[in-house]
C-alpha cells in the first residue's frame, strides 16, 4: 500500500499530498462494465436538467415562481452531479485512483455547496407551495419576482458560506499517515477520520451545520406542509382538495427521496451496514437523485407536457 501513498517532507514531519479513492469496485472488468452505465446516467442528468431549464426559460406560461425555483434546482443538480461524476468516470479507466489534496478539497467544496443550497431551495419551494395553496388570491403579490430572487440568492449564498467553513475546517487539519478513502468521492467523514490532529472542532462544525442547514430547512418544509394540509382540509370540494395536493405532490416526492436518503446515510450507524451498502446509498444520493428530479417534476406535470407540445409545434413550423 506504500506505493499508493504520496508524501511531502515538511521539516521533521510528513504530510499527505494525495488521497486514494477506492471507488465502487476493485475488479477491472466490473469497472469497465460500470463506465458506460454511469456515463449514460450522467449524460441523461445533463440533458434532462438542461432541457428543463431551457423549456422554462423559453415558454412564457412557465414564468411563475414555482418554475423559477425549479429551474435553479435543475441547475444545482447539474453542478452537484458534475462535481463528482467526471472524476468517478475517469477513475473507472485508471489503475491508480489518486486525487490531489487540493482537488479533493475543491470537489468537496463544490459538492457541499450544491447540497446545502439544495436543502435551502427545497425549503423555499415548500414555502412557495404553502402560499399558493393557503393564500391563492395574494400569491402573485407575496411571491413577487424580487422575493423569489432573494430566496434563490439566499439559498446559494448560505450553501456557499456553509461549504466554505466546512472545507476550511476539514482540510486545515494535519494529515500525516493513512490516505485511503473507502468511496468514489471525497467523503468528509472519512477524510476527518484520517487526520493526525485533533478533529473535534471540525466535527462540531460539521454537526452544527447539519443541524442549522439540513435540519433547519427540513423544519421549514415540515411546517409548510402542515399549513398546506390545514388549508386543504378547509376546502369543501374533494376535487379542489385533490387539485391543491397535486400541485405539491412532485415537490413532496423529491423532498422525501432527498431527505430520506441523506438521513439514512448520515444517521444510520456505520457498523450496522456494510461499506458496499454505504457506497450504494452514496450513488443513489449523489448520482441518481439529480437525474430523477427533472423526471419527477415532468412526468405527471400537465403544464410541462403542454409546454413541450407548444415547443414541438413551434419547431415544426420553423422547419417547414
C-alpha atoms as a PDB file:
ATOM      1  CA  UNK A   1       0.000   0.000   0.000  1.00  0.00           C
ATOM      2  CA  UNK A   2       3.036   2.232   0.432  1.00  0.00           C
ATOM      3  CA  UNK A   3       3.249   2.754  -3.347  1.00  0.00           C
ATOM      4  CA  UNK A   4      -0.183   4.380  -3.286  1.00  0.00           C
ATOM      5  CA  UNK A   5       0.912   6.859  -0.617  1.00  0.00           C
ATOM      6  CA  UNK A   6       2.270  10.193  -1.712  1.00  0.00           C
ATOM      7  CA  UNK A   7       4.006  12.266   0.972  1.00  0.00           C
ATOM      8  CA  UNK A   8       5.694  15.631   1.180  1.00  0.00           C
ATOM      9  CA  UNK A   9       8.570  16.214   3.629  1.00  0.00           C
ATOM     10  CA  UNK A  10       7.932  19.220   5.887  1.00  0.00           C
ATOM     11  CA  UNK A  11      10.735  19.755   8.437  1.00  0.00           C
ATOM     12  CA  UNK A  12      10.561  16.667  10.689  1.00  0.00           C
ATOM     13  CA  UNK A  13       7.074  15.606   9.583  1.00  0.00           C
ATOM     14  CA  UNK A  14       5.457  14.071   6.527  1.00  0.00           C
ATOM     15  CA  UNK A  15       2.151  15.306   5.127  1.00  0.00           C
ATOM     16  CA  UNK A  16      -0.248  13.657   2.728  1.00  0.00           C
ATOM     17  CA  UNK A  17      -0.362  15.291  -0.706  1.00  0.00           C
ATOM     18  CA  UNK A  18      -2.826  12.868  -2.330  1.00  0.00           C
ATOM     19  CA  UNK A  19      -5.725  10.647  -1.333  1.00  0.00           C
ATOM     20  CA  UNK A  20      -6.634   7.291  -2.850  1.00  0.00           C
ATOM     21  CA  UNK A  21     -10.274   6.725  -3.820  1.00  0.00           C
ATOM     22  CA  UNK A  22     -11.066   3.007  -3.771  1.00  0.00           C
ATOM     23  CA  UNK A  23     -14.173   3.532  -5.920  1.00  0.00           C
ATOM     24  CA  UNK A  24     -17.166   1.237  -6.250  1.00  0.00           C
ATOM     25  CA  UNK A  25     -15.280  -1.949  -7.075  1.00  0.00           C
ATOM     26  CA  UNK A  26     -11.779  -3.382  -7.249  1.00  0.00           C
ATOM     27  CA  UNK A  27     -12.476  -5.585 -10.268  1.00  0.00           C
ATOM     28  CA  UNK A  28     -11.299  -4.124 -13.589  1.00  0.00           C
ATOM     29  CA  UNK A  29     -13.990  -5.957 -15.561  1.00  0.00           C
ATOM     30  CA  UNK A  30     -16.741  -4.607 -13.299  1.00  0.00           C
ATOM     31  CA  UNK A  31     -15.335  -1.080 -13.600  1.00  0.00           C
ATOM     32  CA  UNK A  32     -15.354  -1.284 -17.398  1.00  0.00           C
ATOM     33  CA  UNK A  33     -18.949  -2.514 -17.216  1.00  0.00           C
ATOM     34  CA  UNK A  34     -19.974   0.314 -14.872  1.00  0.00           C
ATOM     35  CA  UNK A  35     -18.348   3.018 -17.023  1.00  0.00           C
ATOM     36  CA  UNK A  36     -20.978   3.128 -19.836  1.00  0.00           C
ATOM     37  CA  UNK A  37     -23.813   2.794 -17.293  1.00  0.00           C
ATOM     38  CA  UNK A  38     -22.728   5.794 -15.233  1.00  0.00           C
ATOM     39  CA  UNK A  39     -21.738   7.733 -18.344  1.00  0.00           C
ATOM     40  CA  UNK A  40     -25.298   7.268 -19.605  1.00  0.00           C
ATOM     41  CA  UNK A  41     -26.724   8.366 -16.236  1.00  0.00           C
ATOM     42  CA  UNK A  42     -24.520  11.471 -16.221  1.00  0.00           C
ATOM     43  CA  UNK A  43     -25.450  12.417 -19.783  1.00  0.00           C
ATOM     44  CA  UNK A  44     -29.161  11.939 -19.036  1.00  0.00           C
ATOM     45  CA  UNK A  45     -28.763  14.115 -15.926  1.00  0.00           C
ATOM     46  CA  UNK A  46     -27.223  16.891 -18.028  1.00  0.00           C
ATOM     47  CA  UNK A  47     -29.736  16.588 -20.889  1.00  0.00           C
ATOM     48  CA  UNK A  48     -32.900  16.364 -18.773  1.00  0.00           C
ATOM     49  CA  UNK A  49     -31.972  19.154 -16.358  1.00  0.00           C
ATOM     50  CA  UNK A  50     -30.622  21.446 -19.073  1.00  0.00           C
ATOM     51  CA  UNK A  51     -33.668  20.717 -21.224  1.00  0.00           C
ATOM     52  CA  UNK A  52     -35.969  21.621 -18.325  1.00  0.00           C
ATOM     53  CA  UNK A  53     -34.102  24.905 -17.751  1.00  0.00           C
ATOM     54  CA  UNK A  54     -34.353  25.824 -21.445  1.00  0.00           C
ATOM     55  CA  UNK A  55     -38.040  24.907 -21.584  1.00  0.00           C
ATOM     56  CA  UNK A  56     -38.848  27.064 -18.544  1.00  0.00           C
ATOM     57  CA  UNK A  57     -36.885  29.987 -19.947  1.00  0.00           C
ATOM     58  CA  UNK A  58     -38.467  29.776 -23.426  1.00  0.00           C
ATOM     59  CA  UNK A  59     -42.122  29.192 -22.518  1.00  0.00           C
ATOM     60  CA  UNK A  60     -43.829  32.271 -21.048  1.00  0.00           C
ATOM     61  CA  UNK A  61     -46.557  30.097 -19.481  1.00  0.00           C
ATOM     62  CA  UNK A  62     -43.898  28.686 -17.139  1.00  0.00           C
ATOM     63  CA  UNK A  63     -42.684  32.077 -15.923  1.00  0.00           C
ATOM     64  CA  UNK A  64     -44.100  31.554 -12.430  1.00  0.00           C
ATOM     65  CA  UNK A  65     -42.351  31.328  -9.026  1.00  0.00           C
ATOM     66  CA  UNK A  66     -42.657  27.524  -8.890  1.00  0.00           C
ATOM     67  CA  UNK A  67     -40.878  27.022 -12.213  1.00  0.00           C
ATOM     68  CA  UNK A  68     -38.421  29.810 -11.409  1.00  0.00           C
ATOM     69  CA  UNK A  69     -37.308  27.789  -8.369  1.00  0.00           C
ATOM     70  CA  UNK A  70     -37.408  24.563 -10.389  1.00  0.00           C
ATOM     71  CA  UNK A  71     -35.002  25.946 -12.989  1.00  0.00           C
ATOM     72  CA  UNK A  72     -32.481  26.769 -10.267  1.00  0.00           C
ATOM     73  CA  UNK A  73     -32.999  23.329  -8.713  1.00  0.00           C
ATOM     74  CA  UNK A  74     -32.125  21.790 -12.088  1.00  0.00           C
ATOM     75  CA  UNK A  75     -29.007  23.970 -12.278  1.00  0.00           C
ATOM     76  CA  UNK A  76     -27.996  22.771  -8.792  1.00  0.00           C
ATOM     77  CA  UNK A  77     -28.488  19.160  -9.866  1.00  0.00           C
ATOM     78  CA  UNK A  78     -26.257  19.693 -12.910  1.00  0.00           C
ATOM     79  CA  UNK A  79     -23.499  21.224 -10.763  1.00  0.00           C
ATOM     80  CA  UNK A  80     -23.903  18.638  -7.988  1.00  0.00           C
ATOM     81  CA  UNK A  81     -23.625  15.716 -10.389  1.00  0.00           C
ATOM     82  CA  UNK A  82     -20.730  17.360 -12.251  1.00  0.00           C
ATOM     83  CA  UNK A  83     -18.758  17.795  -9.031  1.00  0.00           C
ATOM     84  CA  UNK A  84     -18.444  14.010  -8.669  1.00  0.00           C
ATOM     85  CA  UNK A  85     -19.408  12.117 -11.849  1.00  0.00           C
ATOM     86  CA  UNK A  86     -16.492  13.137 -14.146  1.00  0.00           C
ATOM     87  CA  UNK A  87     -13.923  12.066 -11.541  1.00  0.00           C
ATOM     88  CA  UNK A  88     -15.725   8.780 -10.923  1.00  0.00           C
ATOM     89  CA  UNK A  89     -15.933   8.071 -14.665  1.00  0.00           C
ATOM     90  CA  UNK A  90     -12.239   8.773 -15.209  1.00  0.00           C
ATOM     91  CA  UNK A  91     -11.327   6.569 -12.233  1.00  0.00           C
ATOM     92  CA  UNK A  92     -13.136   3.621 -13.846  1.00  0.00           C
ATOM     93  CA  UNK A  93     -10.424   3.709 -16.535  1.00  0.00           C
ATOM     94  CA  UNK A  94      -7.461   4.146 -14.176  1.00  0.00           C
ATOM     95  CA  UNK A  95      -5.386   1.635 -12.270  1.00  0.00           C
ATOM     96  CA  UNK A  96      -4.415   4.113  -9.545  1.00  0.00           C
ATOM     97  CA  UNK A  97      -7.335   6.258  -8.386  1.00  0.00           C
ATOM     98  CA  UNK A  98      -5.443   9.077  -6.702  1.00  0.00           C
ATOM     99  CA  UNK A  99      -6.708  12.619  -6.180  1.00  0.00           C
ATOM    100  CA  UNK A 100      -4.578  15.525  -5.040  1.00  0.00           C
ATOM    101  CA  UNK A 101      -5.199  17.247  -1.722  1.00  0.00           C
ATOM    102  CA  UNK A 102      -6.347  20.468  -3.449  1.00  0.00           C
ATOM    103  CA  UNK A 103      -8.566  18.594  -5.932  1.00  0.00           C
ATOM    104  CA  UNK A 104     -10.178  16.676  -3.075  1.00  0.00           C
ATOM    105  CA  UNK A 105     -10.869  19.916  -1.197  1.00  0.00           C
ATOM    106  CA  UNK A 106     -12.293  21.506  -4.363  1.00  0.00           C
ATOM    107  CA  UNK A 107     -14.534  18.511  -5.053  1.00  0.00           C
ATOM    108  CA  UNK A 108     -15.857  18.514  -1.506  1.00  0.00           C
ATOM    109  CA  UNK A 109     -16.403  22.295  -1.511  1.00  0.00           C
ATOM    110  CA  UNK A 110     -18.415  22.261  -4.738  1.00  0.00           C
ATOM    111  CA  UNK A 111     -20.475  19.203  -3.764  1.00  0.00           C
ATOM    112  CA  UNK A 112     -21.159  20.536  -0.255  1.00  0.00           C
ATOM    113  CA  UNK A 113     -22.122  23.942  -1.687  1.00  0.00           C
ATOM    114  CA  UNK A 114     -24.661  22.417  -4.055  1.00  0.00           C
ATOM    115  CA  UNK A 115     -26.008  20.035  -1.417  1.00  0.00           C
ATOM    116  CA  UNK A 116     -26.580  22.743   1.204  1.00  0.00           C
ATOM    117  CA  UNK A 117     -28.042  25.123  -1.386  1.00  0.00           C
ATOM    118  CA  UNK A 118     -30.481  22.391  -2.453  1.00  0.00           C
ATOM    119  CA  UNK A 119     -31.659  21.966   1.151  1.00  0.00           C
ATOM    120  CA  UNK A 120     -32.415  25.692   1.368  1.00  0.00           C
ATOM    121  CA  UNK A 121     -34.006  25.806  -2.088  1.00  0.00           C
ATOM    122  CA  UNK A 122     -36.325  22.886  -1.299  1.00  0.00           C
ATOM    123  CA  UNK A 123     -37.432  24.809   1.800  1.00  0.00           C
ATOM    124  CA  UNK A 124     -38.108  27.899  -0.338  1.00  0.00           C
ATOM    125  CA  UNK A 125     -40.135  25.766  -2.762  1.00  0.00           C
ATOM    126  CA  UNK A 126     -42.175  24.350   0.137  1.00  0.00           C
ATOM    127  CA  UNK A 127     -42.979  27.891   1.297  1.00  0.00           C
ATOM    128  CA  UNK A 128     -43.983  28.779  -2.267  1.00  0.00           C
ATOM    129  CA  UNK A 129     -46.437  25.861  -2.361  1.00  0.00           C
ATOM    130  CA  UNK A 130     -47.861  26.913   1.014  1.00  0.00           C
ATOM    131  CA  UNK A 131     -48.527  30.458  -0.237  1.00  0.00           C
ATOM    132  CA  UNK A 132     -50.038  29.127  -3.488  1.00  0.00           C
ATOM    133  CA  UNK A 133     -52.495  26.873  -1.619  1.00  0.00           C
ATOM    134  CA  UNK A 134     -53.032  28.871   1.582  1.00  0.00           C
ATOM    135  CA  UNK A 135     -53.296  32.361   0.039  1.00  0.00           C
ATOM    136  CA  UNK A 136     -54.082  31.912  -3.673  1.00  0.00           C
ATOM    137  CA  UNK A 137     -55.518  35.425  -4.123  1.00  0.00           C
ATOM    138  CA  UNK A 138     -52.415  37.094  -2.665  1.00  0.00           C
ATOM    139  CA  UNK A 139     -49.974  34.629  -4.264  1.00  0.00           C
ATOM    140  CA  UNK A 140     -48.721  36.930  -7.024  1.00  0.00           C
ATOM    141  CA  UNK A 141     -48.283  39.811  -4.597  1.00  0.00           C
ATOM    142  CA  UNK A 142     -46.471  37.765  -1.937  1.00  0.00           C
ATOM    143  CA  UNK A 143     -44.261  35.724  -4.269  1.00  0.00           C
ATOM    144  CA  UNK A 144     -43.108  38.740  -6.257  1.00  0.00           C
ATOM    145  CA  UNK A 145     -40.083  38.334  -8.571  1.00  0.00           C
ATOM    146  CA  UNK A 146     -37.902  40.321  -6.159  1.00  0.00           C
ATOM    147  CA  UNK A 147     -38.660  37.984  -3.245  1.00  0.00           C
ATOM    148  CA  UNK A 148     -38.074  34.874  -5.381  1.00  0.00           C
ATOM    149  CA  UNK A 149     -34.692  36.197  -6.495  1.00  0.00           C
ATOM    150  CA  UNK A 150     -33.720  36.970  -2.896  1.00  0.00           C
ATOM    151  CA  UNK A 151     -34.753  33.472  -1.785  1.00  0.00           C
ATOM    152  CA  UNK A 152     -32.644  31.850  -4.506  1.00  0.00           C
ATOM    153  CA  UNK A 153     -29.694  34.132  -3.722  1.00  0.00           C
ATOM    154  CA  UNK A 154     -30.102  33.285  -0.027  1.00  0.00           C
ATOM    155  CA  UNK A 155     -30.096  29.544  -0.780  1.00  0.00           C
ATOM    156  CA  UNK A 156     -26.978  29.764  -2.940  1.00  0.00           C
ATOM    157  CA  UNK A 157     -25.255  32.170  -0.522  1.00  0.00           C
ATOM    158  CA  UNK A 158     -25.998  30.023   2.531  1.00  0.00           C
ATOM    159  CA  UNK A 159     -24.669  26.959   0.731  1.00  0.00           C
ATOM    160  CA  UNK A 160     -21.501  28.810  -0.297  1.00  0.00           C
ATOM    161  CA  UNK A 161     -20.697  30.119   3.190  1.00  0.00           C
ATOM    162  CA  UNK A 162     -21.529  26.821   4.885  1.00  0.00           C
ATOM    163  CA  UNK A 163     -19.425  24.857   2.421  1.00  0.00           C
ATOM    164  CA  UNK A 164     -16.508  27.277   2.746  1.00  0.00           C
ATOM    165  CA  UNK A 165     -16.469  26.973   6.542  1.00  0.00           C
ATOM    166  CA  UNK A 166     -16.690  23.171   6.399  1.00  0.00           C
ATOM    167  CA  UNK A 167     -13.984  22.837   3.736  1.00  0.00           C
ATOM    168  CA  UNK A 168     -11.513  25.130   5.511  1.00  0.00           C
ATOM    169  CA  UNK A 169     -12.083  23.448   8.886  1.00  0.00           C
ATOM    170  CA  UNK A 170     -11.681  19.957   7.409  1.00  0.00           C
ATOM    171  CA  UNK A 171      -8.719  20.476   5.077  1.00  0.00           C
ATOM    172  CA  UNK A 172      -6.888  22.727   7.530  1.00  0.00           C
ATOM    173  CA  UNK A 173      -6.306  19.628   9.656  1.00  0.00           C
ATOM    174  CA  UNK A 174      -2.951  17.833   9.574  1.00  0.00           C
ATOM    175  CA  UNK A 175      -2.811  14.593   7.548  1.00  0.00           C
ATOM    176  CA  UNK A 176       0.333  12.535   8.029  1.00  0.00           C
ATOM    177  CA  UNK A 177      -0.464   8.856   7.519  1.00  0.00           C
ATOM    178  CA  UNK A 178      -3.348   6.873   6.017  1.00  0.00           C
ATOM    179  CA  UNK A 179      -4.800   8.353   2.830  1.00  0.00           C
ATOM    180  CA  UNK A 180      -7.274   5.653   1.726  1.00  0.00           C
ATOM    181  CA  UNK A 181     -10.890   6.783   1.211  1.00  0.00           C
ATOM    182  CA  UNK A 182     -13.355   3.889   1.023  1.00  0.00           C
ATOM    183  CA  UNK A 183     -15.563   5.552  -1.582  1.00  0.00           C
ATOM    184  CA  UNK A 184     -15.667   7.034  -5.090  1.00  0.00           C
ATOM    185  CA  UNK A 185     -15.617  10.665  -3.894  1.00  0.00           C
ATOM    186  CA  UNK A 186     -14.045  12.744  -1.122  1.00  0.00           C
ATOM    187  CA  UNK A 187     -16.288  11.756   1.783  1.00  0.00           C
ATOM    188  CA  UNK A 188     -15.694  14.349   4.510  1.00  0.00           C
ATOM    189  CA  UNK A 189     -16.498  11.965   7.372  1.00  0.00           C
ATOM    190  CA  UNK A 190     -13.799   9.567   6.188  1.00  0.00           C
ATOM    191  CA  UNK A 191     -11.335  12.385   5.480  1.00  0.00           C
ATOM    192  CA  UNK A 192     -11.680  13.780   9.011  1.00  0.00           C
ATOM    193  CA  UNK A 193     -11.116  10.304  10.459  1.00  0.00           C
ATOM    194  CA  UNK A 194      -7.765  10.168   8.604  1.00  0.00           C
ATOM    195  CA  UNK A 195      -6.483  13.315  10.307  1.00  0.00           C
ATOM    196  CA  UNK A 196      -3.470  13.101  12.619  1.00  0.00           C
ATOM    197  CA  UNK A 197      -4.547  16.212  14.545  1.00  0.00           C
ATOM    198  CA  UNK A 198      -7.472  16.895  16.876  1.00  0.00           C
ATOM    199  CA  UNK A 199     -10.596  16.942  14.698  1.00  0.00           C
ATOM    200  CA  UNK A 200     -13.072  17.967  17.436  1.00  0.00           C
ATOM    201  CA  UNK A 201     -13.680  21.479  16.069  1.00  0.00           C
ATOM    202  CA  UNK A 202     -14.139  20.203  12.506  1.00  0.00           C
ATOM    203  CA  UNK A 203     -16.585  17.549  13.685  1.00  0.00           C
ATOM    204  CA  UNK A 204     -18.536  20.128  15.707  1.00  0.00           C
ATOM    205  CA  UNK A 205     -18.719  22.488  12.715  1.00  0.00           C
ATOM    206  CA  UNK A 206     -19.947  19.624  10.537  1.00  0.00           C
ATOM    207  CA  UNK A 207     -22.554  18.683  13.153  1.00  0.00           C
ATOM    208  CA  UNK A 208     -23.771  22.255  13.733  1.00  0.00           C
ATOM    209  CA  UNK A 209     -24.086  22.988  10.024  1.00  0.00           C
ATOM    210  CA  UNK A 210     -26.026  19.767   9.544  1.00  0.00           C
ATOM    211  CA  UNK A 211     -28.406  20.949  12.274  1.00  0.00           C
ATOM    212  CA  UNK A 212     -28.813  24.534  11.096  1.00  0.00           C
ATOM    213  CA  UNK A 213     -28.884  23.978   7.330  1.00  0.00           C
ATOM    214  CA  UNK A 214     -30.157  20.421   6.921  1.00  0.00           C
ATOM    215  CA  UNK A 215     -32.498  20.095   9.888  1.00  0.00           C
ATOM    216  CA  UNK A 216     -33.454  23.790   9.768  1.00  0.00           C
ATOM    217  CA  UNK A 217     -34.555  23.510   6.131  1.00  0.00           C
ATOM    218  CA  UNK A 218     -36.364  20.267   6.941  1.00  0.00           C
ATOM    219  CA  UNK A 219     -38.299  22.012   9.733  1.00  0.00           C
ATOM    220  CA  UNK A 220     -39.366  24.780   7.331  1.00  0.00           C
ATOM    221  CA  UNK A 221     -40.581  22.119   4.900  1.00  0.00           C
ATOM    222  CA  UNK A 222     -42.496  20.246   7.620  1.00  0.00           C
ATOM    223  CA  UNK A 223     -44.146  23.453   8.869  1.00  0.00           C
ATOM    224  CA  UNK A 224     -45.051  24.483   5.314  1.00  0.00           C
ATOM    225  CA  UNK A 225     -46.704  21.142   4.639  1.00  0.00           C
ATOM    226  CA  UNK A 226     -48.508  21.230   7.986  1.00  0.00           C
ATOM    227  CA  UNK A 227     -50.075  24.538   6.923  1.00  0.00           C
ATOM    228  CA  UNK A 228     -50.738  23.120   3.445  1.00  0.00           C
ATOM    229  CA  UNK A 229     -52.632  20.152   4.922  1.00  0.00           C
ATOM    230  CA  UNK A 230     -54.605  22.512   7.175  1.00  0.00           C
ATOM    231  CA  UNK A 231     -55.507  24.643   4.150  1.00  0.00           C
ATOM    232  CA  UNK A 232     -56.531  21.618   2.081  1.00  0.00           C
ATOM    233  CA  UNK A 233     -58.760  20.312   4.872  1.00  0.00           C
ATOM    234  CA  UNK A 234     -60.653  23.608   4.847  1.00  0.00           C
ATOM    235  CA  UNK A 235     -61.642  23.101   1.208  1.00  0.00           C
ATOM    236  CA  UNK A 236     -65.192  21.795   0.863  1.00  0.00           C
ATOM    237  CA  UNK A 237     -64.697  20.278  -2.587  1.00  0.00           C
ATOM    238  CA  UNK A 238     -62.939  16.922  -2.880  1.00  0.00           C
ATOM    239  CA  UNK A 239     -61.910  17.829  -6.415  1.00  0.00           C
ATOM    240  CA  UNK A 240     -60.443  21.098  -5.154  1.00  0.00           C
ATOM    241  CA  UNK A 241     -58.544  19.284  -2.408  1.00  0.00           C
ATOM    242  CA  UNK A 242     -57.113  16.775  -4.892  1.00  0.00           C
ATOM    243  CA  UNK A 243     -56.075  19.573  -7.262  1.00  0.00           C
ATOM    244  CA  UNK A 244     -54.416  21.510  -4.427  1.00  0.00           C
ATOM    245  CA  UNK A 245     -52.488  18.444  -3.247  1.00  0.00           C
ATOM    246  CA  UNK A 246     -51.460  17.604  -6.812  1.00  0.00           C
ATOM    247  CA  UNK A 247     -49.669  20.954  -7.131  1.00  0.00           C
ATOM    248  CA  UNK A 248     -47.199  19.973  -4.410  1.00  0.00           C
ATOM    249  CA  UNK A 249     -47.041  16.193  -4.942  1.00  0.00           C
ATOM    250  CA  UNK A 250     -43.868  16.313  -7.085  1.00  0.00           C
ATOM    251  CA  UNK A 251     -42.070  18.501  -4.552  1.00  0.00           C
ATOM    252  CA  UNK A 252     -43.123  16.194  -1.735  1.00  0.00           C
ATOM    253  CA  UNK A 253     -41.693  13.174  -3.584  1.00  0.00           C
ATOM    254  CA  UNK A 254     -38.392  14.985  -4.245  1.00  0.00           C
ATOM    255  CA  UNK A 255     -38.114  16.066  -0.596  1.00  0.00           C
ATOM    256  CA  UNK A 256     -38.894  12.547   0.651  1.00  0.00           C
ATOM    257  CA  UNK A 257     -36.220  10.963  -1.551  1.00  0.00           C
ATOM    258  CA  UNK A 258     -33.629  13.671  -0.838  1.00  0.00           C
ATOM    259  CA  UNK A 259     -34.016  13.781   2.945  1.00  0.00           C
ATOM    260  CA  UNK A 260     -34.861  10.104   3.329  1.00  0.00           C
ATOM    261  CA  UNK A 261     -31.608   9.054   1.665  1.00  0.00           C
ATOM    262  CA  UNK A 262     -29.475  11.659   3.451  1.00  0.00           C
ATOM    263  CA  UNK A 263     -30.906  10.772   6.866  1.00  0.00           C
ATOM    264  CA  UNK A 264     -30.292   7.075   6.274  1.00  0.00           C
ATOM    265  CA  UNK A 265     -26.719   7.813   5.126  1.00  0.00           C
ATOM    266  CA  UNK A 266     -25.631  10.081   7.958  1.00  0.00           C
ATOM    267  CA  UNK A 267     -27.740   8.997  10.932  1.00  0.00           C
ATOM    268  CA  UNK A 268     -27.599   5.220  10.485  1.00  0.00           C
ATOM    269  CA  UNK A 269     -24.608   3.776  12.445  1.00  0.00           C
ATOM    270  CA  UNK A 270     -21.899   2.619  10.050  1.00  0.00           C
ATOM    271  CA  UNK A 271     -21.416  -0.616  11.972  1.00  0.00           C
ATOM    272  CA  UNK A 272     -24.909  -1.760  11.040  1.00  0.00           C
ATOM    273  CA  UNK A 273     -24.384  -1.882   7.300  1.00  0.00           C
ATOM    274  CA  UNK A 274     -21.518  -2.820   5.052  1.00  0.00           C
ATOM    275  CA  UNK A 275     -19.210  -0.497   3.167  1.00  0.00           C
ATOM    276  CA  UNK A 276     -20.862  -1.607  -0.074  1.00  0.00           C
ATOM    277  CA  UNK A 277     -24.288  -0.612   1.234  1.00  0.00           C
ATOM    278  CA  UNK A 278     -22.866   2.801   2.089  1.00  0.00           C
ATOM    279  CA  UNK A 279     -21.484   3.151  -1.445  1.00  0.00           C
ATOM    280  CA  UNK A 280     -24.855   2.209  -2.946  1.00  0.00           C
ATOM    281  CA  UNK A 281     -26.552   4.893  -0.828  1.00  0.00           C
ATOM    282  CA  UNK A 282     -23.942   7.434  -1.946  1.00  0.00           C
ATOM    283  CA  UNK A 283     -24.524   6.517  -5.595  1.00  0.00           C
ATOM    284  CA  UNK A 284     -28.266   6.996  -5.174  1.00  0.00           C
ATOM    285  CA  UNK A 285     -27.842  10.291  -3.300  1.00  0.00           C
ATOM    286  CA  UNK A 286     -25.113  11.863  -5.451  1.00  0.00           C
ATOM    287  CA  UNK A 287     -25.606  10.296  -8.897  1.00  0.00           C
ATOM    288  CA  UNK A 288     -29.234   9.150  -9.263  1.00  0.00           C
ATOM    289  CA  UNK A 289     -31.221  11.861  -7.434  1.00  0.00           C
ATOM    290  CA  UNK A 290     -30.003  14.680  -9.767  1.00  0.00           C
ATOM    291  CA  UNK A 291     -31.206  12.553 -12.702  1.00  0.00           C
ATOM    292  CA  UNK A 292     -34.561  11.675 -11.103  1.00  0.00           C
ATOM    293  CA  UNK A 293     -35.580  15.204 -10.028  1.00  0.00           C
ATOM    294  CA  UNK A 294     -36.454  16.565 -13.514  1.00  0.00           C
ATOM    295  CA  UNK A 295     -38.328  13.341 -14.307  1.00  0.00           C
ATOM    296  CA  UNK A 296     -40.398  13.558 -11.118  1.00  0.00           C
ATOM    297  CA  UNK A 297     -41.355  17.140 -11.890  1.00  0.00           C
ATOM    298  CA  UNK A 298     -42.106  16.455 -15.562  1.00  0.00           C
ATOM    299  CA  UNK A 299     -43.803  13.080 -15.918  1.00  0.00           C
ATOM    300  CA  UNK A 300     -47.121  13.977 -14.238  1.00  0.00           C
ATOM    301  CA  UNK A 301     -46.972  17.732 -14.802  1.00  0.00           C
ATOM    302  CA  UNK A 302     -49.598  18.901 -17.318  1.00  0.00           C
ATOM    303  CA  UNK A 303     -48.026  22.354 -17.687  1.00  0.00           C
ATOM    304  CA  UNK A 304     -44.643  20.860 -18.607  1.00  0.00           C
ATOM    305  CA  UNK A 305     -46.282  18.492 -21.104  1.00  0.00           C
ATOM    306  CA  UNK A 306     -48.247  21.345 -22.686  1.00  0.00           C
ATOM    307  CA  UNK A 307     -45.093  23.459 -22.888  1.00  0.00           C
ATOM    308  CA  UNK A 308     -43.316  20.578 -24.669  1.00  0.00           C
ATOM    309  CA  UNK A 309     -46.200  20.346 -27.162  1.00  0.00           C
ATOM    310  CA  UNK A 310     -46.041  24.090 -27.820  1.00  0.00           C
ATOM    311  CA  UNK A 311     -42.289  23.897 -28.352  1.00  0.00           C
ATOM    312  CA  UNK A 312     -42.696  20.919 -30.716  1.00  0.00           C
ATOM    313  CA  UNK A 313     -45.322  22.842 -32.752  1.00  0.00           C
ATOM    314  CA  UNK A 314     -43.043  25.876 -32.928  1.00  0.00           C
ATOM    315  CA  UNK A 315     -40.125  23.726 -34.065  1.00  0.00           C
ATOM    316  CA  UNK A 316     -42.346  22.078 -36.709  1.00  0.00           C
ATOM    317  CA  UNK A 317     -43.483  25.447 -38.097  1.00  0.00           C
ATOM    318  CA  UNK A 318     -39.935  26.739 -38.224  1.00  0.00           C
ATOM    319  CA  UNK A 319     -38.705  23.658 -40.083  1.00  0.00           C
ATOM    320  CA  UNK A 320     -41.352  23.993 -42.786  1.00  0.00           C
END
